[in-house]
Every structure is written in C-alpha cells, then in structure tokens.
Amino acid sequence: MTLRLPAFTARFVVVALLGLAVAACRERPDEDGAAPYARVVAESIEQIERGTGLTFKRPPVLEVHSKEQVREFLVRRFDEQSPASEMAAEEQVFKTLGLIPPDMDYRRFLLDLLNEQIVGYYDPRADKLYVVEGQARDATNIAIAHELIHALQAQYVNLDSIQGVTGDVDRQLAVQSVLEGQATFEQMSAMAGGDISLRIPGGWDQIRRTIREVQGEMPLFANAPLVIQESLLFPYLSGADFVHRFKAQRGRANPLDDLPVSTEQVLHSRAYFGATRDVPSVITLPAPAIGEKVYENGIGEFGTRVFVYEHTNDQNTAVQAAMGWDGDRYVLTRTAAGHSIAWVSVWDSDLDAAEYASAMAETVMRRYGGLPEAAAGSAAGAVRRASGRGRTVEIRTREAAGRTLVLYVDVPEGQSTDVIDLAAVKLEAR
C-alpha cells in the first residue's frame, strides 16, 4: 500500500534527508555563508548537463521566498492535487488495512510533515525554482541541485502530464520514481564528483543507512507510520537505483522517454530490461454486492511489501510474498456497520499465489490473533476465514483464464464477506 501524495510533499522531506545523509557521508569544504545562489546554480548546471547528456534550453529562474510564502503556496497546491474527498477515502483505506493509527488525522499529519522542513522546490507551471531564505547552506545547495534537474526535465517533457496518471497509485509511484530517481542520482553524483556509488564507500546502501540514522533531525518523519516513510523514500532511493541501472544498460538514453508502468519494473531489472518486459495484468472489479463503493485503486508490488512487513515485521517474508505480483485492484465500501475492503491480486504462478496467500494469513494472525482456517464446504485451502477484534477476514483463491486470483476481504464482524463476486472479476493483458 502506498501513498498518492503531491510531488512537492515528498520532495521537501526527502531532499532534506538526502542533505543530511550526504553531509554525514563525506566532508564538505567550508564556504562563505553569504555565497551567492548564482554560483551554486552555475556550478550545478555544468555538472548536471555533463551527467545527463541534456542541455538547458533556457536559463532557469531562481527566486528566494520567505518560509511563509512558500508554505502558503504549497498548501494551495496540496489542496489542488489531493482533494479532501480523496484524501478522506485514502485515510480510511490505510486505517482499514491497519497501516495508520485509527485516530490519526491523515491530512493534517501530511501537512505538518510538509511544513517540517521546507527548503526549496521547482514549480513547472511558473517555470521557477524557489528556495527559502534563512535555511542551512548544505540543505539549500542540495535543494537547488535537485530542483534544477526537475527544471531540466520540464524542458524536455510535460511534468504535469506524465504525473497525471489517475486511478493507479502503483503506476504513479513508478513514474515518480523516474523523475525523482533521476534528480537524486544526478544531483548526488554531481556533488560527489562522479558516480556516487563509486565515490561514497558503500554507495546507495550507505546512503540508505545514513538516511535512517539522521531521521532524528526530522521528528515528524522519524515518527511517521511505516507506509508514509516508505512511500516518501521509495521514489528517491529505489528510483535512483533504477536510474543507475538504466544508465548502465542504455547509456545516454533518457529514462523519461520510456517510463516504467509499475513498481515491479522499478524494483526488478528483469521486469523492465528483460527481453520481454513484464507488464502487469489489468484487473476490472465488478460492482460491490454489499455496501456503497467509496474508493478504488491498486496497490502494486511495493505496496504489498509494505503491507506484509507492517504486520509481520519480517522483511524476507514481505519481499517473498510480493514476488511474482502481476496486478491488483481493491475497492473500499461502506455500510451501516462500517467500512470493508476487497483486494484482488493475480500472480505469475500458482507458487507465487500460494506464498502470497500464506503471508497474508500470517498478517491476519498478527493483526487479529487467529490464523485463518478453511471455511466449511470450501475446497481445500480455497477459502480461509478468521475473526477477531470486531473484524472478519477472508482469503479466497480462484482460477481465472489459467491464472490464480487471490481475494483478501476485511469486513466488520457479522457482515457477509461476499463484498464482490470473484467469479465476475475480469482479467486482461495491458
């Protein structure tokens, strides 16, 4: 399960963390605190153009704003990109899946997180790069270098357009991973004086570890639920890994010209660079048989990992459970008894489906205190059900077009688990 956040939200938090990480990983020469931004821009442009093979078609415009000016602007953009109704639905999905506390004000938390560390950002509509006055030199320089790459990207592609995918969070995250991954990789490589994986001992693994270590500098982020932390970090760290592999495979080609369509393709070289690209199947859900439909979306391989890890605290189980993912779709519904979720996924093989179903059964045991047992009258293992803490969960498998579908249903106790008709689910190639 992953967040659908405005691009700005992630950028502030993660660029700040990257700044802290780089400072911790290497020594920086001391500079005059009044060093002009123009010099940073000029030096960064030269390094960015050399690293990307792209040249700026026009000079980027940089303006300095007060923290209050930037915060007001970002809150407006946050509201534009994340309507309150969608945010409320996503909040309920996360709560139903046990990924955020039941009493969390999700929208307010994200806005507070956004305001925790405002450094700078690029606005493609105005074609301007903004930095906040009075910020630490290292953080500002890093923000400038990072956002200059977004300014360069915007001169070759329509950023608003390619980020405008709707109804598919996993694909949105994959696209964002290229945008932020390219910016992160080129920015940090430029700062390191070359390929960062060669210049910093331990490369990206060290950067990941250091980011975890410096979280204390940002208390809200450090104490955020796992799903929020991981969804913010993924486009930058896994995205940078992807861009690193892309450059090794494709040289000077631009990854923005051939975007991945799933986090599976971002995570696994075989899924994107293989002789036959692994494109996820499209799942179409029937109308709910019970309750009112509130929201529908997908989760993806990365989101599946996060969900399983949240409830098992076992990284190996989470990674293995999500391996072989080939598509998914969920629907959130509402009745007088409360909210329900029905989540359908399809897998590359029967073994992959079985491993996923087994891991999901473990999440149920950890959350609700009981291991799902075979339902009366069902084929062996085809339907497993458990109840606890006011909820009933069912895991059901079914063959469809030679593939194995797995349905995970979580409903208020006493309500039927027949939220959707699994036999009516449509499965198509993308």
Protein backbone atom coordinates (compact mmCIF):
# COMPACT_ATOMS: atom_id res chain seq x y z
CA MET A 1 0.00 0.00 0.00
CA THR A 2 1.45 3.36 -0.98
CA LEU A 3 0.51 6.99 -0.73
CA ARG A 4 -0.77 9.19 -3.51
CA LEU A 5 0.96 12.39 -2.44
CA PRO A 6 1.56 15.67 -4.25
CA ALA A 7 5.08 15.59 -5.67
CA PHE A 8 6.05 18.60 -3.57
CA THR A 9 5.27 16.82 -0.31
CA ALA A 10 7.80 14.08 -0.77
CA ARG A 11 10.41 16.39 -2.19
CA PHE A 12 10.78 18.64 0.83
CA VAL A 13 11.14 15.81 3.29
CA VAL A 14 13.41 13.58 1.24
CA VAL A 15 15.69 16.29 -0.14
CA ALA A 16 16.23 17.42 3.43
CA LEU A 17 17.09 13.86 4.46
CA LEU A 18 19.42 13.46 1.49
CA GLY A 19 21.19 16.62 2.50
CA LEU A 20 21.74 15.32 6.00
CA ALA A 21 22.88 11.97 4.61
CA VAL A 22 25.44 13.42 2.22
CA ALA A 23 26.80 15.70 4.92
CA ALA A 24 27.22 12.67 7.17
CA CYS A 25 28.84 10.57 4.43
CA ARG A 26 31.56 12.99 3.36
CA GLU A 27 33.48 16.05 4.40
CA ARG A 28 32.42 19.37 2.90
CA PRO A 29 34.81 22.30 2.41
CA ASP A 30 33.73 25.31 4.41
CA GLU A 31 32.24 28.17 2.41
CA ASP A 32 31.33 31.76 2.99
CA GLY A 33 27.80 31.70 4.42
CA ALA A 34 26.84 34.55 2.07
CA ALA A 35 27.91 32.68 -1.08
CA PRO A 36 25.50 33.73 -3.86
CA TYR A 37 22.95 31.26 -5.19
CA ALA A 38 24.03 32.19 -8.71
CA ARG A 39 27.36 30.44 -8.21
CA VAL A 40 25.66 27.28 -6.94
CA VAL A 41 23.29 27.35 -9.93
CA ALA A 42 26.11 27.81 -12.45
CA GLU A 43 28.23 25.03 -10.95
CA SER A 44 25.26 22.69 -10.70
CA ILE A 45 24.14 23.30 -14.29
CA GLU A 46 27.56 22.33 -15.64
CA GLN A 47 27.63 19.12 -13.61
CA ILE A 48 24.00 18.24 -14.40
CA GLU A 49 24.40 18.71 -18.15
CA ARG A 50 27.53 16.57 -18.12
CA GLY A 51 25.82 13.83 -16.12
CA THR A 52 22.52 13.71 -18.01
CA GLY A 53 23.74 14.48 -21.52
CA LEU A 54 20.96 17.09 -21.76
CA THR A 55 21.43 20.84 -22.01
CA PHE A 56 19.25 23.58 -20.60
CA LYS A 57 17.24 25.21 -23.40
CA ARG A 58 16.80 28.35 -21.32
CA PRO A 59 18.35 29.58 -18.09
CA PRO A 60 16.37 28.51 -15.03
CA VAL A 61 14.90 31.29 -12.91
CA LEU A 62 15.56 31.16 -9.18
CA GLU A 63 13.73 33.24 -6.60
CA VAL A 64 14.07 33.48 -2.85
CA HIS A 65 10.86 33.42 -0.81
CA SER A 66 10.09 33.57 2.86
CA LYS A 67 9.12 30.33 4.55
CA GLU A 68 5.60 31.66 4.98
CA GLN A 69 5.25 32.47 1.26
CA VAL A 70 6.39 29.03 0.21
CA ARG A 71 4.26 27.26 2.79
CA GLU A 72 1.11 29.09 1.69
CA PHE A 73 1.79 28.25 -1.94
CA LEU A 74 2.45 24.60 -1.21
CA VAL A 75 -0.68 24.20 0.87
CA ARG A 76 -2.69 25.54 -2.09
CA ARG A 77 -1.02 23.06 -4.44
CA PHE A 78 -1.56 20.29 -1.92
CA ASP A 79 -5.27 21.09 -1.89
CA GLU A 80 -5.39 21.17 -5.71
CA GLN A 81 -3.62 17.85 -6.18
CA SER A 82 -5.23 15.99 -3.29
CA PRO A 83 -8.94 16.84 -2.95
CA ALA A 84 -10.30 16.39 0.56
CA SER A 85 -12.72 13.64 -0.53
CA GLU A 86 -9.93 11.51 -1.99
CA MET A 87 -7.70 12.09 1.00
CA ALA A 88 -10.52 11.01 3.32
CA ALA A 89 -11.02 7.82 1.29
CA GLU A 90 -7.30 7.02 1.30
CA GLU A 91 -7.19 7.66 5.04
CA GLN A 92 -9.94 5.11 5.53
CA VAL A 93 -8.16 2.56 3.32
CA PHE A 94 -4.99 2.88 5.41
CA LYS A 95 -6.95 2.57 8.64
CA THR A 96 -8.90 -0.46 7.40
CA LEU A 97 -5.63 -2.15 6.44
CA GLY A 98 -4.04 -1.26 9.78
CA LEU A 99 -1.35 0.93 8.25
CA ILE A 100 -2.02 4.14 10.18
CA PRO A 101 -3.46 4.66 13.68
CA PRO A 102 -7.26 4.72 13.84
CA ASP A 103 -7.23 8.17 15.44
CA MET A 104 -4.76 9.79 13.01
CA ASP A 105 -5.84 12.94 11.17
CA TYR A 106 -4.13 11.86 7.97
CA ARG A 107 -4.43 15.11 6.03
CA ARG A 108 -3.26 17.27 8.92
CA PHE A 109 -0.32 14.97 9.59
CA LEU A 110 0.84 15.20 5.99
CA LEU A 111 0.57 18.98 6.00
CA ASP A 112 2.55 19.15 9.23
CA LEU A 113 5.12 16.82 7.70
CA LEU A 114 5.29 19.06 4.65
CA ASN A 115 5.99 22.07 6.84
CA GLU A 116 8.61 20.36 8.98
CA GLN A 117 11.43 21.11 6.57
CA ILE A 118 10.79 23.49 3.69
CA VAL A 119 13.97 24.08 1.69
CA GLY A 120 13.09 24.67 -1.96
CA TYR A 121 11.16 23.36 -4.95
CA TYR A 122 10.65 23.74 -8.68
CA ASP A 123 7.22 24.84 -9.94
CA PRO A 124 6.71 23.65 -13.55
CA ARG A 125 3.72 25.95 -14.03
CA ALA A 126 5.71 29.09 -13.29
CA ASP A 127 8.96 27.56 -14.56
CA LYS A 128 10.73 28.86 -11.48
CA LEU A 129 12.90 27.38 -8.77
CA TYR A 130 12.17 28.68 -5.28
CA VAL A 131 14.43 28.47 -2.25
CA VAL A 132 13.55 29.50 1.27
CA GLU A 133 15.53 32.25 2.91
CA GLY A 134 17.38 31.54 6.10
CA GLN A 135 17.92 27.81 5.54
CA ALA A 136 21.14 25.88 6.15
CA ARG A 137 23.67 26.20 3.34
CA ASP A 138 24.07 22.47 2.71
CA ALA A 139 20.32 21.88 2.54
CA THR A 140 19.80 24.86 0.22
CA ASN A 141 22.60 23.83 -2.14
CA ILE A 142 21.24 20.30 -2.32
CA ALA A 143 17.72 21.56 -2.95
CA ILE A 144 18.98 23.82 -5.75
CA ALA A 145 20.88 21.00 -7.45
CA HIS A 146 17.93 18.61 -7.13
CA GLU A 147 15.32 21.06 -8.35
CA LEU A 148 17.48 22.21 -11.25
CA ILE A 149 17.23 18.68 -12.59
CA HIS A 150 13.44 18.92 -12.41
CA ALA A 151 13.69 22.23 -14.28
CA LEU A 152 15.76 20.45 -16.94
CA GLN A 153 13.26 17.58 -17.11
CA ALA A 154 10.46 20.09 -17.65
CA GLN A 155 12.25 21.46 -20.71
CA TYR A 156 12.03 18.04 -22.37
CA VAL A 157 8.75 16.56 -21.05
CA ASN A 158 5.49 17.86 -19.59
CA LEU A 159 5.91 17.06 -15.89
CA ASP A 160 2.28 17.73 -15.01
CA SER A 161 1.15 15.44 -17.83
CA ILE A 162 3.33 12.43 -17.03
CA GLN A 163 2.49 12.74 -13.34
CA GLY A 164 -1.20 13.00 -14.14
CA VAL A 165 -1.96 9.26 -14.14
CA THR A 166 -5.14 8.70 -12.14
CA GLY A 167 -6.67 5.62 -10.56
CA ASP A 168 -3.40 3.67 -10.43
CA VAL A 169 -1.21 4.55 -7.45
CA ASP A 170 1.39 1.93 -8.34
CA ARG A 171 1.92 3.38 -11.81
CA GLN A 172 2.04 6.90 -10.36
CA LEU A 173 4.75 5.80 -7.96
CA ALA A 174 6.72 4.20 -10.80
CA VAL A 175 6.61 7.42 -12.82
CA GLN A 176 7.55 9.50 -9.80
CA SER A 177 10.44 7.11 -9.19
CA VAL A 178 11.99 8.02 -12.54
CA LEU A 179 11.50 11.75 -12.03
CA GLU A 180 12.87 11.77 -8.51
CA GLY A 181 15.33 8.95 -9.11
CA GLN A 182 16.98 10.79 -11.99
CA ALA A 183 17.11 14.01 -9.97
CA THR A 184 18.53 12.23 -6.93
CA PHE A 185 21.10 10.18 -8.83
CA GLU A 186 22.42 13.07 -10.93
CA GLN A 187 22.32 15.56 -8.06
CA MET A 188 24.23 13.34 -5.66
CA SER A 189 26.65 12.08 -8.29
CA ALA A 190 27.44 15.68 -9.22
CA MET A 191 28.02 16.57 -5.58
CA ALA A 192 30.27 13.54 -5.16
CA GLY A 193 32.27 14.44 -8.26
CA GLY A 194 31.17 11.40 -10.25
CA ASP A 195 29.19 8.19 -9.86
CA ILE A 196 28.11 8.32 -6.22
CA SER A 197 28.16 4.55 -5.90
CA LEU A 198 31.91 4.73 -6.54
CA ARG A 199 32.69 7.93 -4.65
CA ILE A 200 30.95 7.17 -1.35
CA PRO A 201 32.04 3.97 0.43
CA GLY A 202 29.06 1.65 0.43
CA GLY A 203 27.27 3.63 -2.31
CA TRP A 204 23.48 3.67 -2.19
CA ASP A 205 23.35 1.15 0.64
CA GLN A 206 25.34 3.58 2.77
CA ILE A 207 23.05 6.46 1.77
CA ARG A 208 20.01 4.39 2.79
CA ARG A 209 21.56 3.52 6.14
CA THR A 210 22.60 7.10 6.79
CA ILE A 211 19.15 8.43 5.99
CA ARG A 212 17.74 6.11 8.63
CA GLU A 213 20.35 7.35 11.09
CA VAL A 214 19.60 11.05 10.52
CA GLN A 215 15.82 10.73 10.84
CA GLY A 216 16.06 12.20 14.32
CA GLU A 217 16.72 15.56 12.68
CA MET A 218 13.12 15.46 11.44
CA PRO A 219 10.92 14.27 14.32
CA LEU A 220 7.64 14.05 12.39
CA PHE A 221 9.19 11.94 9.66
CA ALA A 222 11.02 9.77 12.19
CA ASN A 223 7.72 9.00 13.95
CA ALA A 224 5.55 8.67 10.85
CA PRO A 225 3.83 5.34 10.14
CA LEU A 226 5.89 2.94 8.04
CA VAL A 227 3.66 3.36 4.98
CA ILE A 228 4.29 7.12 4.95
CA GLN A 229 8.03 6.82 5.46
CA GLU A 230 8.48 4.14 2.82
CA SER A 231 6.22 5.81 0.26
CA LEU A 232 8.20 9.03 0.60
CA LEU A 233 11.60 7.35 0.32
CA PHE A 234 10.85 4.88 -2.47
CA PRO A 235 10.88 7.27 -5.46
CA TYR A 236 14.23 8.71 -4.40
CA LEU A 237 16.19 5.67 -3.30
CA SER A 238 14.68 2.89 -5.42
CA GLY A 239 14.23 5.42 -8.21
CA ALA A 240 17.93 6.32 -8.07
CA ASP A 241 18.81 2.60 -8.16
CA PHE A 242 16.61 2.25 -11.26
CA VAL A 243 18.24 5.24 -12.99
CA HIS A 244 21.69 3.88 -12.15
CA ARG A 245 20.79 0.58 -13.83
CA PHE A 246 19.16 2.41 -16.75
CA LYS A 247 22.34 4.38 -17.43
CA ALA A 248 24.40 1.19 -17.28
CA GLN A 249 22.07 -0.51 -19.78
CA ARG A 250 21.07 2.39 -22.04
CA GLY A 251 23.90 4.89 -21.78
CA ARG A 252 22.78 8.39 -22.76
CA ALA A 253 19.14 7.45 -23.40
CA ASN A 254 16.61 9.41 -21.33
CA PRO A 255 14.52 7.26 -18.93
CA LEU A 256 11.70 9.81 -19.22
CA ASP A 257 11.18 8.63 -22.80
CA ASP A 258 10.39 5.05 -21.71
CA LEU A 259 8.77 5.13 -18.29
CA PRO A 260 8.15 2.03 -16.15
CA VAL A 261 4.47 1.26 -15.56
CA SER A 262 4.75 -0.46 -12.17
CA THR A 263 6.92 -0.56 -9.07
CA GLU A 264 7.71 -4.14 -10.09
CA GLN A 265 9.55 -2.72 -13.11
CA VAL A 266 11.37 -0.23 -10.90
CA LEU A 267 12.45 -2.93 -8.44
CA HIS A 268 13.46 -5.73 -10.81
CA SER A 269 15.80 -5.38 -13.79
CA ARG A 270 14.26 -8.46 -15.45
CA ALA A 271 10.80 -6.84 -15.38
CA TYR A 272 11.95 -3.73 -17.25
CA PHE A 273 15.18 -4.58 -19.07
CA GLY A 274 14.41 -8.23 -19.88
CA ALA A 275 13.91 -9.49 -23.41
CA THR A 276 10.15 -9.49 -22.73
CA ARG A 277 9.05 -6.66 -20.47
CA ASP A 278 6.87 -7.80 -17.57
CA VAL A 279 3.75 -5.65 -17.92
CA PRO A 280 1.11 -6.11 -15.20
CA SER A 281 -2.30 -7.53 -15.99
CA VAL A 282 -5.34 -5.28 -15.76
CA ILE A 283 -7.97 -6.30 -13.21
CA THR A 284 -11.51 -4.96 -13.51
CA LEU A 285 -13.69 -5.38 -10.44
CA PRO A 286 -17.46 -5.88 -10.57
CA ALA A 287 -19.75 -3.51 -8.69
CA PRO A 288 -19.83 -4.30 -4.96
CA ALA A 289 -22.55 -6.76 -3.97
CA ILE A 290 -22.70 -5.27 -0.47
CA GLY A 291 -22.43 -1.64 0.56
CA GLU A 292 -21.65 1.62 -1.20
CA LYS A 293 -18.45 1.97 -3.20
CA VAL A 294 -16.26 4.67 -1.65
CA TYR A 295 -12.93 4.36 -3.46
CA GLU A 296 -11.00 2.09 -5.82
CA ASN A 297 -7.32 1.82 -6.71
CA GLY A 298 -4.36 -0.55 -6.89
CA ILE A 299 -1.50 -1.35 -4.53
CA GLY A 300 1.37 -2.88 -6.51
CA GLU A 301 4.36 -5.00 -5.59
CA PHE A 302 5.99 -2.34 -3.44
CA GLY A 303 2.75 -1.59 -1.61
CA THR A 304 2.22 -5.29 -0.99
CA ARG A 305 5.67 -5.49 0.55
CA VAL A 306 4.87 -2.58 2.85
CA PHE A 307 1.57 -4.12 3.96
CA VAL A 308 3.07 -7.51 4.78
CA TYR A 309 6.10 -6.01 6.52
CA GLU A 310 3.89 -3.71 8.62
CA HIS A 311 2.07 -6.70 10.09
CA THR A 312 4.81 -9.35 10.19
CA ASN A 313 7.90 -7.22 10.86
CA ASP A 314 9.78 -9.68 8.64
CA GLN A 315 11.49 -8.22 5.59
CA ASN A 316 12.18 -11.58 3.95
CA THR A 317 8.53 -12.61 4.29
CA ALA A 318 7.40 -9.27 2.85
CA VAL A 319 9.72 -9.41 -0.16
CA GLN A 320 8.92 -13.05 -0.90
CA ALA A 321 5.17 -12.50 -0.50
CA ALA A 322 5.16 -9.75 -3.13
CA MET A 323 7.43 -11.58 -5.58
CA GLY A 324 5.55 -12.72 -8.66
CA TRP A 325 2.93 -9.96 -8.39
CA ASP A 326 1.23 -9.39 -11.74
CA GLY A 327 -1.52 -6.90 -10.95
CA ASP A 328 -4.10 -5.98 -8.32
CA ARG A 329 -7.15 -3.87 -7.57
CA TYR A 330 -9.09 -3.09 -4.41
CA VAL A 331 -12.39 -1.45 -3.56
CA LEU A 332 -13.33 0.26 -0.30
CA THR A 333 -17.03 0.03 0.57
CA ARG A 334 -19.26 1.38 3.32
CA THR A 335 -22.33 0.01 5.10
CA ALA A 336 -24.07 0.97 8.33
CA ALA A 337 -21.73 -1.47 10.10
CA GLY A 338 -18.59 0.28 8.87
CA HIS A 339 -16.01 0.09 6.10
CA SER A 340 -14.89 -3.02 4.22
CA ILE A 341 -12.11 -3.66 1.74
CA ALA A 342 -11.91 -6.28 -1.02
CA TRP A 343 -8.46 -6.64 -2.61
CA VAL A 344 -7.93 -8.88 -5.66
CA SER A 345 -4.47 -9.79 -6.97
CA VAL A 346 -3.12 -12.00 -9.76
CA TRP A 347 0.19 -13.85 -9.75
CA ASP A 348 2.78 -15.12 -12.20
CA SER A 349 2.49 -18.70 -10.94
CA ASP A 350 0.49 -20.89 -8.58
CA LEU A 351 3.52 -20.99 -6.27
CA ASP A 352 3.69 -17.19 -6.13
CA ALA A 353 -0.02 -17.02 -5.32
CA ALA A 354 0.34 -19.65 -2.59
CA GLU A 355 3.28 -17.84 -0.97
CA TYR A 356 1.35 -14.58 -1.02
CA ALA A 357 -1.79 -16.17 0.45
CA SER A 358 0.29 -17.78 3.18
CA ALA A 359 1.92 -14.45 4.07
CA MET A 360 -1.48 -12.74 4.12
CA ALA A 361 -2.72 -15.42 6.52
CA GLU A 362 0.20 -14.57 8.79
CA THR A 363 -0.72 -10.86 8.69
CA VAL A 364 -4.25 -11.82 9.80
CA MET A 365 -2.87 -13.84 12.70
CA ARG A 366 -0.64 -10.95 13.80
CA ARG A 367 -3.43 -8.35 13.49
CA TYR A 368 -6.43 -10.23 14.79
CA GLY A 369 -5.00 -13.04 16.89
CA GLY A 370 -6.21 -16.02 14.87
CA LEU A 371 -4.86 -17.96 11.91
CA PRO A 372 -7.45 -18.18 9.09
CA GLU A 373 -8.95 -21.66 8.85
CA ALA A 374 -10.62 -23.41 5.93
CA ALA A 375 -14.26 -22.38 5.63
CA ALA A 376 -16.86 -25.13 5.86
CA GLY A 377 -17.79 -26.57 2.49
CA SER A 378 -14.90 -24.98 0.58
CA ALA A 379 -12.30 -26.82 -1.45
CA ALA A 380 -9.10 -27.48 0.47
CA GLY A 381 -7.46 -24.12 1.14
CA ALA A 382 -9.67 -22.24 -1.35
CA VAL A 383 -11.40 -20.17 1.35
CA ARG A 384 -9.84 -19.35 4.71
CA ARG A 385 -11.54 -17.20 7.32
CA ALA A 386 -10.75 -15.69 10.72
CA SER A 387 -12.49 -13.28 13.10
CA GLY A 388 -11.17 -11.12 15.89
CA ARG A 389 -11.21 -7.61 17.33
CA GLY A 390 -14.54 -6.84 15.70
CA ARG A 391 -13.48 -7.82 12.17
CA THR A 392 -13.77 -10.83 9.87
CA VAL A 393 -11.11 -11.53 7.27
CA GLU A 394 -11.33 -13.97 4.39
CA ILE A 395 -8.67 -15.12 1.92
CA ARG A 396 -10.06 -16.81 -1.17
CA THR A 397 -8.36 -18.20 -4.29
CA ARG A 398 -9.82 -18.92 -7.71
CA GLU A 399 -8.59 -19.86 -11.16
CA ALA A 400 -9.31 -17.39 -13.96
CA ALA A 401 -8.08 -17.79 -17.54
CA GLY A 402 -5.40 -20.20 -16.36
CA ARG A 403 -4.20 -17.78 -13.67
CA THR A 404 -4.62 -17.73 -9.90
CA LEU A 405 -6.54 -14.85 -8.36
CA VAL A 406 -6.33 -14.17 -4.62
CA LEU A 407 -9.07 -12.20 -2.88
CA TYR A 408 -8.42 -10.63 0.53
CA VAL A 409 -11.55 -9.31 2.26
CA ASP A 410 -11.71 -7.43 5.58
CA VAL A 411 -15.21 -6.57 6.87
CA PRO A 412 -16.90 -5.64 10.17
CA GLU A 413 -17.67 -8.79 12.17
CA GLY A 414 -21.15 -10.08 11.40
CA GLN A 415 -21.18 -8.73 7.85
CA SER A 416 -21.03 -11.05 4.85
CA THR A 417 -17.62 -11.36 3.23
CA ASP A 418 -19.23 -11.51 -0.22
CA VAL A 419 -18.32 -7.89 -0.93
CA ILE A 420 -17.57 -8.69 -4.57
CA ASP A 421 -18.16 -11.70 -6.80
CA LEU A 422 -14.70 -13.12 -7.50
CA ALA A 423 -16.11 -15.04 -10.48
CA ALA A 424 -17.08 -11.71 -12.08
CA VAL A 425 -13.58 -10.23 -11.89
CA LYS A 426 -12.16 -9.56 -15.38
CA LEU A 427 -8.51 -10.17 -16.16
CA GLU A 428 -6.88 -8.68 -19.28
CA ALA A 429 -3.41 -8.02 -20.65
CA ARG A 430 -2.40 -4.36 -20.53
